[in-house]
Amino acid sequence: MISGKVWKYGDNVDTDVIIPARYLNDPDPAALASHCMEDIDDTFAGSVQQGDIMVGGWNFGCGSSREHAPISIQASGVAVVIAASFARIFYRNAINIGFPILECPEAAAEINKGDEVVVDLESGRIENKTSGKTYQAAPQPTFIGSMIEAGGLLKYLKGKVDD
């Protein structure tokens, strides 16, 4: 179970907004996290707490194919991103690095910044403790859950080879 405070953003949040291109030459995840979302929310990087939850609208993570976007969000301490929909490349990159994401248009529309939310990745259940409402996202397929649990695609495959 994941429980945290919500950081909310709108539709079409692209990878250049998540981590501006001017910071991409630093491969350190902590350095990327220190600039995460700064072009649309200059309070995020300095205020986000470990375990917080990011909520976005439609087409979250659109733009370039760089893995830096989900890496910067994950390194900032965000435990999961819930969105109405994800750009395909962001979705794949998140899974590849072992970062959980859930699509749930109703939750994305109704959850507000600062709400306290509990997420059960296995069942896809999202509970907004602030409003008392519960939402149902499609649960992650077992193999994706296994990749997230392993810490990403490469660690998952390494575990398979080692077995």
Protein backbone atom coordinates (compact mmCIF):
# COMPACT_ATOMS: atom_id res chain seq x y z
CA MET A 1 0.00 0.00 0.00
CA ILE A 2 1.14 3.49 -0.83
CA SER A 3 -0.10 6.46 1.18
CA GLY A 4 0.80 10.07 0.59
CA LYS A 5 -0.06 13.66 -0.19
CA VAL A 6 -1.06 14.57 -3.75
CA TRP A 7 0.74 16.85 -6.19
CA LYS A 8 -1.69 17.60 -9.03
CA TYR A 9 -0.99 18.64 -12.61
CA GLY A 10 -3.11 18.99 -15.73
CA ASP A 11 -3.29 17.53 -19.22
CA ASN A 12 -0.38 17.10 -21.63
CA VAL A 13 2.39 17.42 -19.05
CA ASP A 14 5.36 16.71 -21.28
CA THR A 15 8.79 15.36 -20.49
CA ASP A 16 10.37 18.82 -20.94
CA VAL A 17 8.13 20.12 -18.15
CA ILE A 18 8.81 17.12 -15.92
CA ILE A 19 12.57 17.57 -16.28
CA PRO A 20 13.71 20.55 -18.38
CA ALA A 21 16.21 19.66 -21.11
CA ARG A 22 18.82 22.05 -19.69
CA TYR A 23 19.45 19.54 -16.85
CA LEU A 24 19.72 16.35 -18.89
CA ASN A 25 23.51 16.20 -18.97
CA ASP A 26 23.61 15.26 -15.27
CA PRO A 27 22.93 11.52 -14.98
CA ASP A 28 22.53 11.62 -11.17
CA PRO A 29 18.87 10.88 -10.26
CA ALA A 30 19.09 13.14 -7.18
CA ALA A 31 20.28 16.05 -9.33
CA LEU A 32 17.41 15.43 -11.76
CA ALA A 33 14.95 15.30 -8.86
CA SER A 34 16.12 18.71 -7.65
CA HIS A 35 14.78 20.21 -10.90
CA CYS A 36 11.69 18.03 -11.33
CA MET A 37 8.59 20.05 -12.35
CA GLU A 38 10.35 23.37 -11.73
CA ASP A 39 9.05 25.04 -14.89
CA ILE A 40 5.41 24.61 -13.82
CA ASP A 41 5.72 24.28 -10.03
CA ASP A 42 8.73 25.87 -8.40
CA THR A 43 7.62 24.53 -4.99
CA PHE A 44 7.61 20.84 -5.96
CA ALA A 45 11.29 19.84 -5.68
CA GLY A 46 11.77 21.59 -2.34
CA SER A 47 8.55 20.35 -0.76
CA VAL A 48 7.78 16.86 -2.07
CA GLN A 49 8.05 14.14 0.57
CA GLN A 50 9.01 10.50 0.26
CA GLY A 51 5.85 8.53 -0.56
CA ASP A 52 3.88 11.44 -2.03
CA ILE A 53 1.64 10.81 -5.02
CA MET A 54 1.53 12.68 -8.34
CA VAL A 55 -1.76 13.01 -10.21
CA GLY A 56 -1.95 14.13 -13.83
CA GLY A 57 -4.54 14.54 -16.54
CA TRP A 58 -4.65 13.17 -20.07
CA ASN A 59 -1.49 12.29 -22.00
CA PHE A 60 0.85 12.57 -19.01
CA GLY A 61 4.52 12.25 -20.01
CA CYS A 62 4.08 13.13 -23.68
CA GLY A 63 7.03 14.47 -25.63
CA SER A 64 10.47 12.97 -25.95
CA SER A 65 11.36 9.38 -25.19
CA ARG A 66 13.91 10.08 -22.47
CA GLU A 67 13.85 8.00 -19.29
CA HIS A 68 14.91 11.08 -17.33
CA ALA A 69 11.26 12.07 -16.79
CA PRO A 70 10.11 9.07 -14.74
CA ILE A 71 13.56 8.84 -13.12
CA SER A 72 13.32 12.44 -11.86
CA ILE A 73 9.81 11.88 -10.47
CA GLN A 74 10.80 8.63 -8.78
CA ALA A 75 14.02 10.12 -7.39
CA SER A 76 12.08 13.05 -5.95
CA GLY A 77 10.29 10.62 -3.64
CA VAL A 78 6.98 10.24 -5.47
CA ALA A 79 5.76 6.67 -4.96
CA VAL A 80 3.22 6.45 -7.82
CA VAL A 81 1.73 8.57 -10.59
CA ILE A 82 -2.00 8.37 -11.24
CA ALA A 83 -3.21 9.92 -14.50
CA ALA A 84 -6.19 9.94 -16.82
CA SER A 85 -3.86 8.51 -19.47
CA PHE A 86 -0.13 8.21 -20.13
CA ALA A 87 1.88 8.79 -23.26
CA ARG A 88 2.98 5.36 -24.40
CA ILE A 89 6.72 6.02 -24.13
CA PHE A 90 6.40 7.42 -20.59
CA TYR A 91 4.33 4.38 -19.59
CA ARG A 92 6.99 2.02 -20.93
CA ASN A 93 9.90 3.99 -19.43
CA ALA A 94 8.21 4.00 -16.01
CA ILE A 95 7.84 0.24 -16.07
CA ASN A 96 11.40 -0.19 -17.35
CA ILE A 97 12.79 1.65 -14.31
CA GLY A 98 10.42 -0.01 -11.84
CA PHE A 99 8.21 3.03 -11.20
CA PRO A 100 4.50 2.33 -10.62
CA ILE A 101 1.82 4.22 -12.54
CA LEU A 102 -1.96 3.80 -12.71
CA GLU A 103 -4.50 5.05 -15.24
CA CYS A 104 -7.79 6.17 -13.73
CA PRO A 105 -9.56 9.10 -15.42
CA GLU A 106 -12.15 9.52 -12.65
CA ALA A 107 -9.54 9.65 -9.87
CA ALA A 108 -7.35 12.01 -11.91
CA ALA A 109 -10.29 14.38 -12.40
CA GLU A 110 -11.55 14.38 -8.81
CA ILE A 111 -8.46 14.14 -6.60
CA ASN A 112 -7.08 17.54 -5.62
CA LYS A 113 -3.64 18.85 -4.72
CA GLY A 114 -2.92 18.21 -1.05
CA ASP A 115 -5.44 15.37 -0.68
CA GLU A 116 -4.29 12.33 1.28
CA VAL A 117 -4.57 9.25 -0.93
CA VAL A 118 -3.98 5.53 -0.41
CA VAL A 119 -3.16 3.33 -3.41
CA ASP A 120 -3.18 -0.46 -3.60
CA LEU A 121 -1.20 -1.28 -6.74
CA GLU A 122 -2.11 -4.95 -6.67
CA SER A 123 -5.87 -4.35 -6.77
CA GLY A 124 -5.83 -0.94 -8.47
CA ARG A 125 -7.88 0.56 -5.63
CA ILE A 126 -7.37 4.29 -5.00
CA GLU A 127 -8.86 5.79 -1.85
CA ASN A 128 -9.00 9.54 -1.30
CA LYS A 129 -8.90 9.85 2.49
CA THR A 130 -9.66 13.57 2.25
CA SER A 131 -12.93 13.23 0.31
CA GLY A 132 -13.83 9.68 1.34
CA LYS A 133 -14.20 8.60 -2.30
CA THR A 134 -12.81 5.37 -3.72
CA TYR A 135 -11.80 4.75 -7.33
CA GLN A 136 -10.95 1.61 -9.24
CA ALA A 137 -8.09 1.60 -11.72
CA ALA A 138 -7.28 -1.49 -13.73
CA PRO A 139 -4.85 -3.48 -11.61
CA GLN A 140 -1.39 -3.88 -13.06
CA PRO A 141 -0.89 -7.18 -14.85
CA THR A 142 1.08 -9.64 -12.73
CA PHE A 143 4.16 -9.50 -14.97
CA ILE A 144 4.28 -5.68 -14.75
CA GLY A 145 3.87 -5.87 -10.97
CA SER A 146 6.78 -8.31 -10.93
CA MET A 147 8.92 -5.87 -12.92
CA ILE A 148 8.03 -2.99 -10.58
CA GLU A 149 8.77 -5.16 -7.55
CA ALA A 150 12.14 -6.21 -9.01
CA GLY A 151 13.13 -2.57 -9.55
CA GLY A 152 12.67 -2.45 -13.31
CA LEU A 153 12.94 -4.49 -16.46
CA LEU A 154 16.69 -5.18 -16.31
CA LYS A 155 16.61 -6.32 -12.69
CA TYR A 156 13.53 -8.43 -13.45
CA LEU A 157 15.28 -10.13 -16.40
CA LYS A 158 18.47 -10.62 -14.39
CA GLY A 159 16.39 -12.38 -11.72
CA LYS A 160 14.90 -14.64 -14.38
CA VAL A 161 18.36 -15.52 -15.72
CA ASP A 162 19.72 -16.13 -12.22
CA ASP A 163 16.81 -18.49 -11.46
